[in-house]
Protein backbone atom coordinates (compact mmCIF):
# COMPACT_ATOMS: atom_id res chain seq x y z
CA UNK A 1 -115.84 52.71 -84.53
CA UNK A 2 -116.18 56.50 -84.61
CA UNK A 3 -113.21 56.71 -87.01
CA UNK A 4 -115.13 54.64 -89.57
CA UNK A 5 -117.97 57.14 -89.67
CA UNK A 6 -115.58 60.11 -89.86
CA UNK A 7 -114.06 58.77 -93.08
CA UNK A 8 -117.43 58.15 -94.73
CA UNK A 9 -118.70 60.79 -97.15
CA UNK A 10 -121.33 63.15 -95.89
CA UNK A 11 -124.86 62.60 -97.17
CA UNK A 12 -125.93 64.64 -100.17
CA UNK A 13 -128.23 67.57 -99.74
CA UNK A 14 -131.85 66.68 -100.38
CA UNK A 15 -133.01 67.31 -103.91
CA UNK A 16 -134.90 70.56 -104.38
CA UNK A 17 -137.70 70.49 -106.93
CA UNK A 18 -138.69 73.96 -107.98
CA UNK A 19 -142.30 74.78 -108.57
CA UNK A 20 -143.06 75.31 -112.26
CA UNK A 21 -143.46 79.04 -111.67
CA UNK A 22 -140.04 79.28 -109.98
CA UNK A 23 -138.35 77.20 -112.69
CA UNK A 24 -139.83 79.46 -115.37
CA UNK A 25 -138.69 82.55 -113.44
CA UNK A 26 -135.17 81.10 -113.17
CA UNK A 27 -135.08 80.45 -116.94
CA UNK A 28 -136.35 83.96 -117.71
CA UNK A 29 -133.74 85.57 -115.42
CA UNK A 30 -130.99 83.42 -116.90
CA UNK A 31 -131.90 84.49 -120.44
CA UNK A 32 -132.59 88.15 -119.67
CA UNK A 33 -129.70 88.88 -117.30
CA UNK A 34 -126.34 87.54 -118.54
CA UNK A 35 -124.66 89.61 -115.81
CA UNK A 36 -126.19 87.34 -113.15
CA UNK A 37 -124.03 84.22 -112.74
CA UNK A 38 -125.37 80.70 -112.52
CA UNK A 39 -123.97 80.55 -108.97
CA UNK A 40 -126.04 83.59 -107.99
CA UNK A 41 -129.16 82.12 -109.58
CA UNK A 42 -128.56 78.79 -107.85
CA UNK A 43 -128.18 80.48 -104.48
CA UNK A 44 -131.26 82.65 -105.01
CA UNK A 45 -133.47 79.70 -105.99
CA UNK A 46 -131.89 77.23 -103.55
CA UNK A 47 -130.67 74.73 -106.14
CA UNK A 48 -127.26 73.43 -107.22
CA UNK A 49 -125.35 75.32 -109.91
CA UNK A 50 -125.52 72.34 -112.26
CA UNK A 51 -129.30 72.30 -111.82
CA UNK A 52 -129.56 75.83 -113.20
CA UNK A 53 -128.36 74.69 -116.63
CA UNK A 54 -130.68 71.68 -116.60
CA UNK A 55 -133.71 73.78 -115.64
CA UNK A 56 -132.87 76.42 -118.26
CA UNK A 57 -132.43 73.76 -120.95
CA UNK A 58 -135.81 72.19 -120.07
CA UNK A 59 -137.40 75.60 -120.58
CA UNK A 60 -135.78 76.03 -124.00
CA UNK A 61 -133.54 78.97 -123.21
CA UNK A 62 -130.14 78.90 -124.93
CA UNK A 63 -127.25 78.05 -122.62
CA UNK A 64 -124.42 80.51 -122.17
CA UNK A 65 -121.03 79.83 -123.64
CA UNK A 66 -119.37 80.42 -120.27
CA UNK A 67 -117.61 83.30 -118.70
CA UNK A 68 -115.72 85.57 -121.09
CA UNK A 69 -111.96 85.18 -121.00
CA UNK A 70 -109.87 87.66 -119.08
CA UNK A 71 -108.33 90.29 -121.36
CA UNK A 72 -104.57 89.84 -121.94
CA UNK A 73 -103.80 92.88 -119.75
CA UNK A 74 -105.67 91.30 -116.84
CA UNK A 75 -103.85 87.98 -117.33
CA UNK A 76 -100.50 89.82 -117.33
CA UNK A 77 -101.51 91.62 -114.13
CA UNK A 78 -102.48 88.31 -112.47
CA UNK A 79 -99.17 86.72 -113.44
CA UNK A 80 -97.17 89.73 -112.22
CA UNK A 81 -98.95 89.76 -108.88
CA UNK A 82 -98.34 86.05 -108.50
CA UNK A 83 -94.67 86.21 -109.51
CA UNK A 84 -93.74 89.09 -107.23
CA UNK A 85 -95.39 87.37 -104.23
CA UNK A 86 -97.33 90.51 -103.34
CA UNK A 87 -100.69 88.71 -103.03
CA UNK A 88 -101.96 85.19 -102.39
CA UNK A 89 -103.97 83.41 -105.09
CA UNK A 90 -107.25 83.94 -103.23
CA UNK A 91 -106.51 87.67 -102.94
CA UNK A 92 -105.65 87.92 -106.64
CA UNK A 93 -108.88 86.08 -107.48
CA UNK A 94 -110.93 88.50 -105.42
CA UNK A 95 -109.15 91.47 -106.98
CA UNK A 96 -109.95 90.41 -110.56
CA UNK A 97 -113.37 88.92 -109.79
CA UNK A 98 -112.57 85.31 -110.65
CA UNK A 99 -112.28 82.11 -108.66
CA UNK A 100 -108.99 80.89 -107.18
CA UNK A 101 -109.20 77.85 -109.48
CA UNK A 102 -109.25 80.18 -112.50
CA UNK A 103 -106.14 81.96 -111.22
CA UNK A 104 -104.37 78.63 -110.67
CA UNK A 105 -105.33 77.59 -114.22
CA UNK A 106 -103.90 80.84 -115.68
CA UNK A 107 -100.66 80.35 -113.76
CA UNK A 108 -100.39 76.73 -114.92
CA UNK A 109 -101.03 77.72 -118.55
CA UNK A 110 -98.35 80.41 -118.36
CA UNK A 111 -95.88 77.93 -116.85
CA UNK A 112 -96.52 75.45 -119.68
CA UNK A 113 -96.02 78.18 -122.29
CA UNK A 114 -92.61 79.01 -120.79
CA UNK A 115 -91.63 75.30 -120.74
CA UNK A 116 -92.62 74.90 -124.40
CA UNK A 117 -90.38 77.80 -125.44
CA UNK A 118 -87.38 75.87 -124.19
CA UNK A 119 -83.98 77.22 -123.27
CA UNK A 120 -83.17 78.68 -126.68
CA UNK A 121 -80.19 76.41 -127.41
C-alpha cells in the first residue's frame, strides 16, 4: 500500500494571496528594476514565478519581453566549453549566468543547424 502513495503526486503548495500593498510593491519593483528577475521577485514575495506576471498585469505594468539573448560570442563560448568536455552543463550555465535548460537549448539549436547544413555532397 505504501508504494501507491509514493507514486502519487505531491500536494501543491498552498496559494499565497498578497496583500494589496505587497502586490502593488511587487508591480512597482518589476517595472522599475528590469535587472531583478521574476524568480527573484517571486522568492522575495513568496509567490510562484508565474504569479509575478499575473500580479504585474493586474496592476497595469507592461510585461517584459523576456531575457535578452546571449551575444554570439557567449554562445560560441558555451558551445566550445561543451564540445571540449571541459565543463558540465550546470557549470557552463553558472559561468554564463543562465539556466541549464537554456544551455541545453543552445546546444540543441547548434546541433540542428549542423544537421541542416548537410554533408556537402
